[in-house]
Amino acid sequence: MILKLINKKHVKEILYLLNSADELYFAEICKNIPEAHNGSINRTLQELYDFKMVSKREEGTAKLSKTFYSISILGMESLKFYELEEKLEEKYCTNGPII
């Protein structure tokens, strides 16, 4: 299931973004991924939260709250899949397709 989730659109960008900061609130994440719709980012963050790849905390009142997200240990470990993918592509795919 983790492989299916990390293959979804914008997951890589979100995880790397959160890995580079202590925590970010929703609008900051959206601002850093301008090609994505806010609704799409919201759904993706919820899936990442459900899979415990990110954590979240809310600050403020019910009407004026901000949700802050941070990457979890599982999320950090999941970044290794992207690094492995890059290494494999560099090693085997730079000279054309493998036959």
C-alpha atoms as a PDB file:
ATOM      1  CA  MET A   1       0.000   0.000   0.000  1.00  0.00           C
ATOM      2  CA  ILE A   2       2.848   2.407   0.736  1.00  0.00           C
ATOM      3  CA  LEU A   3       4.203   2.039  -2.798  1.00  0.00           C
ATOM      4  CA  LYS A   4       0.786   2.849  -4.205  1.00  0.00           C
ATOM      5  CA  LEU A   5       0.544   5.981  -2.042  1.00  0.00           C
ATOM      6  CA  ILE A   6       4.040   7.311  -2.751  1.00  0.00           C
ATOM      7  CA  ASN A   7       3.396   6.905  -6.468  1.00  0.00           C
ATOM      8  CA  LYS A   8       0.460   9.344  -6.348  1.00  0.00           C
ATOM      9  CA  LYS A   9       0.744  12.814  -7.796  1.00  0.00           C
ATOM     10  CA  HIS A  10       2.408  15.448  -5.552  1.00  0.00           C
ATOM     11  CA  VAL A  11       3.261  13.015  -2.735  1.00  0.00           C
ATOM     12  CA  LYS A  12       6.973  13.240  -3.520  1.00  0.00           C
ATOM     13  CA  GLU A  13       6.888  17.046  -3.531  1.00  0.00           C
ATOM     14  CA  ILE A  14       4.950  17.184  -0.268  1.00  0.00           C
ATOM     15  CA  LEU A  15       7.229  14.740   1.543  1.00  0.00           C
ATOM     16  CA  TYR A  16      10.414  16.470   0.383  1.00  0.00           C
ATOM     17  CA  LEU A  17       8.930  19.862   1.251  1.00  0.00           C
ATOM     18  CA  LEU A  18       8.015  18.732   4.761  1.00  0.00           C
ATOM     19  CA  ASN A  19      11.385  17.053   5.157  1.00  0.00           C
ATOM     20  CA  SER A  20      13.098  20.386   4.520  1.00  0.00           C
ATOM     21  CA  ALA A  21      11.136  22.204   7.264  1.00  0.00           C
ATOM     22  CA  ASP A  22      10.150  21.538  10.851  1.00  0.00           C
ATOM     23  CA  GLU A  23       6.516  21.985   9.971  1.00  0.00           C
ATOM     24  CA  LEU A  24       4.416  23.887   7.472  1.00  0.00           C
ATOM     25  CA  TYR A  25       0.824  24.974   7.497  1.00  0.00           C
ATOM     26  CA  PHE A  26      -1.526  24.117   4.663  1.00  0.00           C
ATOM     27  CA  ALA A  27      -1.247  27.448   2.794  1.00  0.00           C
ATOM     28  CA  GLU A  28       2.565  27.218   2.818  1.00  0.00           C
ATOM     29  CA  ILE A  29       2.419  23.768   1.259  1.00  0.00           C
ATOM     30  CA  CYS A  30      -0.022  24.972  -1.406  1.00  0.00           C
ATOM     31  CA  LYS A  31       2.172  27.989  -2.168  1.00  0.00           C
ATOM     32  CA  ASN A  32       5.175  25.716  -2.760  1.00  0.00           C
ATOM     33  CA  ILE A  33       3.253  23.434  -5.139  1.00  0.00           C
ATOM     34  CA  PRO A  34       1.443  26.000  -7.315  1.00  0.00           C
ATOM     35  CA  GLU A  35       0.560  23.543 -10.094  1.00  0.00           C
ATOM     36  CA  ALA A  36      -1.643  21.539  -7.689  1.00  0.00           C
ATOM     37  CA  HIS A  37      -5.165  22.444  -6.641  1.00  0.00           C
ATOM     38  CA  ASN A  38      -5.745  23.056  -2.942  1.00  0.00           C
ATOM     39  CA  GLY A  39      -8.351  20.289  -2.824  1.00  0.00           C
ATOM     40  CA  SER A  40      -5.900  17.816  -4.292  1.00  0.00           C
ATOM     41  CA  ILE A  41      -3.230  18.768  -1.779  1.00  0.00           C
ATOM     42  CA  ASN A  42      -5.751  18.507   1.046  1.00  0.00           C
ATOM     43  CA  ARG A  43      -6.791  14.990  -0.004  1.00  0.00           C
ATOM     44  CA  THR A  44      -3.168  13.926  -0.412  1.00  0.00           C
ATOM     45  CA  LEU A  45      -2.223  15.282   3.013  1.00  0.00           C
ATOM     46  CA  GLN A  46      -5.171  13.434   4.543  1.00  0.00           C
ATOM     47  CA  GLU A  47      -4.046  10.171   2.928  1.00  0.00           C
ATOM     48  CA  LEU A  48      -0.481  10.749   4.125  1.00  0.00           C
ATOM     49  CA  TYR A  49      -1.839  11.428   7.606  1.00  0.00           C
ATOM     50  CA  ASP A  50      -4.022   8.301   7.523  1.00  0.00           C
ATOM     51  CA  PHE A  51      -0.941   6.234   6.601  1.00  0.00           C
ATOM     52  CA  LYS A  52       1.049   7.959   9.380  1.00  0.00           C
ATOM     53  CA  MET A  53       3.540   9.409   6.931  1.00  0.00           C
ATOM     54  CA  VAL A  54       2.847  12.934   8.200  1.00  0.00           C
ATOM     55  CA  SER A  55       1.582  14.277  11.485  1.00  0.00           C
ATOM     56  CA  LYS A  56      -0.559  17.318  12.024  1.00  0.00           C
ATOM     57  CA  ARG A  57      -1.491  19.714  14.762  1.00  0.00           C
ATOM     58  CA  GLU A  58      -4.077  22.448  14.862  1.00  0.00           C
ATOM     59  CA  GLU A  59      -3.600  25.862  16.379  1.00  0.00           C
ATOM     60  CA  GLY A  60      -6.161  28.569  17.012  1.00  0.00           C
ATOM     61  CA  THR A  61      -9.911  28.604  17.459  1.00  0.00           C
ATOM     62  CA  ALA A  62     -12.416  26.493  15.566  1.00  0.00           C
ATOM     63  CA  LYS A  63     -13.189  29.352  13.175  1.00  0.00           C
ATOM     64  CA  LEU A  64      -9.626  30.604  12.752  1.00  0.00           C
ATOM     65  CA  SER A  65      -7.463  27.527  13.009  1.00  0.00           C
ATOM     66  CA  LYS A  66      -4.302  26.634  11.147  1.00  0.00           C
ATOM     67  CA  THR A  67      -3.283  23.062  10.552  1.00  0.00           C
ATOM     68  CA  PHE A  68       0.437  22.433  10.668  1.00  0.00           C
ATOM     69  CA  TYR A  69       1.967  19.367   9.038  1.00  0.00           C
ATOM     70  CA  SER A  70       5.306  17.682   9.635  1.00  0.00           C
ATOM     71  CA  ILE A  71       6.895  14.574   8.206  1.00  0.00           C
ATOM     72  CA  SER A  72       6.907  11.455  10.379  1.00  0.00           C
ATOM     73  CA  ILE A  73       9.627   8.838  10.693  1.00  0.00           C
ATOM     74  CA  LEU A  74       7.709   6.631   8.248  1.00  0.00           C
ATOM     75  CA  GLY A  75       7.517   9.556   5.821  1.00  0.00           C
ATOM     76  CA  MET A  76      11.285  10.081   6.087  1.00  0.00           C
ATOM     77  CA  GLU A  77      11.895   6.390   5.514  1.00  0.00           C
ATOM     78  CA  SER A  78       9.608   6.511   2.476  1.00  0.00           C
ATOM     79  CA  LEU A  79      11.887   9.103   0.869  1.00  0.00           C
ATOM     80  CA  LYS A  80      14.367   6.252   0.417  1.00  0.00           C
ATOM     81  CA  PHE A  81      12.086   4.800  -2.285  1.00  0.00           C
ATOM     82  CA  TYR A  82      12.520   7.976  -4.341  1.00  0.00           C
ATOM     83  CA  GLU A  83      16.272   7.922  -3.802  1.00  0.00           C
ATOM     84  CA  LEU A  84      16.424   4.273  -4.909  1.00  0.00           C
ATOM     85  CA  GLU A  85      14.347   5.079  -7.985  1.00  0.00           C
ATOM     86  CA  GLU A  86      16.780   7.861  -8.926  1.00  0.00           C
ATOM     87  CA  LYS A  87      19.795   5.569  -8.484  1.00  0.00           C
ATOM     88  CA  LEU A  88      18.221   2.842 -10.605  1.00  0.00           C
ATOM     89  CA  GLU A  89      17.319   5.298 -13.354  1.00  0.00           C
ATOM     90  CA  GLU A  90      20.830   6.749 -13.360  1.00  0.00           C
ATOM     91  CA  LYS A  91      22.426   3.318 -13.486  1.00  0.00           C
ATOM     92  CA  TYR A  92      20.186   1.551 -15.949  1.00  0.00           C
ATOM     93  CA  CYS A  93      18.137   4.085 -17.902  1.00  0.00           C
ATOM     94  CA  THR A  94      20.576   6.800 -18.929  1.00  0.00           C
ATOM     95  CA  ASN A  95      21.790   4.895 -21.991  1.00  0.00           C
ATOM     96  CA  GLY A  96      18.391   4.036 -23.398  1.00  0.00           C
ATOM     97  CA  PRO A  97      15.886   1.301 -22.603  1.00  0.00           C
ATOM     98  CA  ILE A  98      16.924  -2.027 -21.161  1.00  0.00           C
ATOM     99  CA  ILE A  99      16.241  -4.953 -23.450  1.00  0.00           C
END
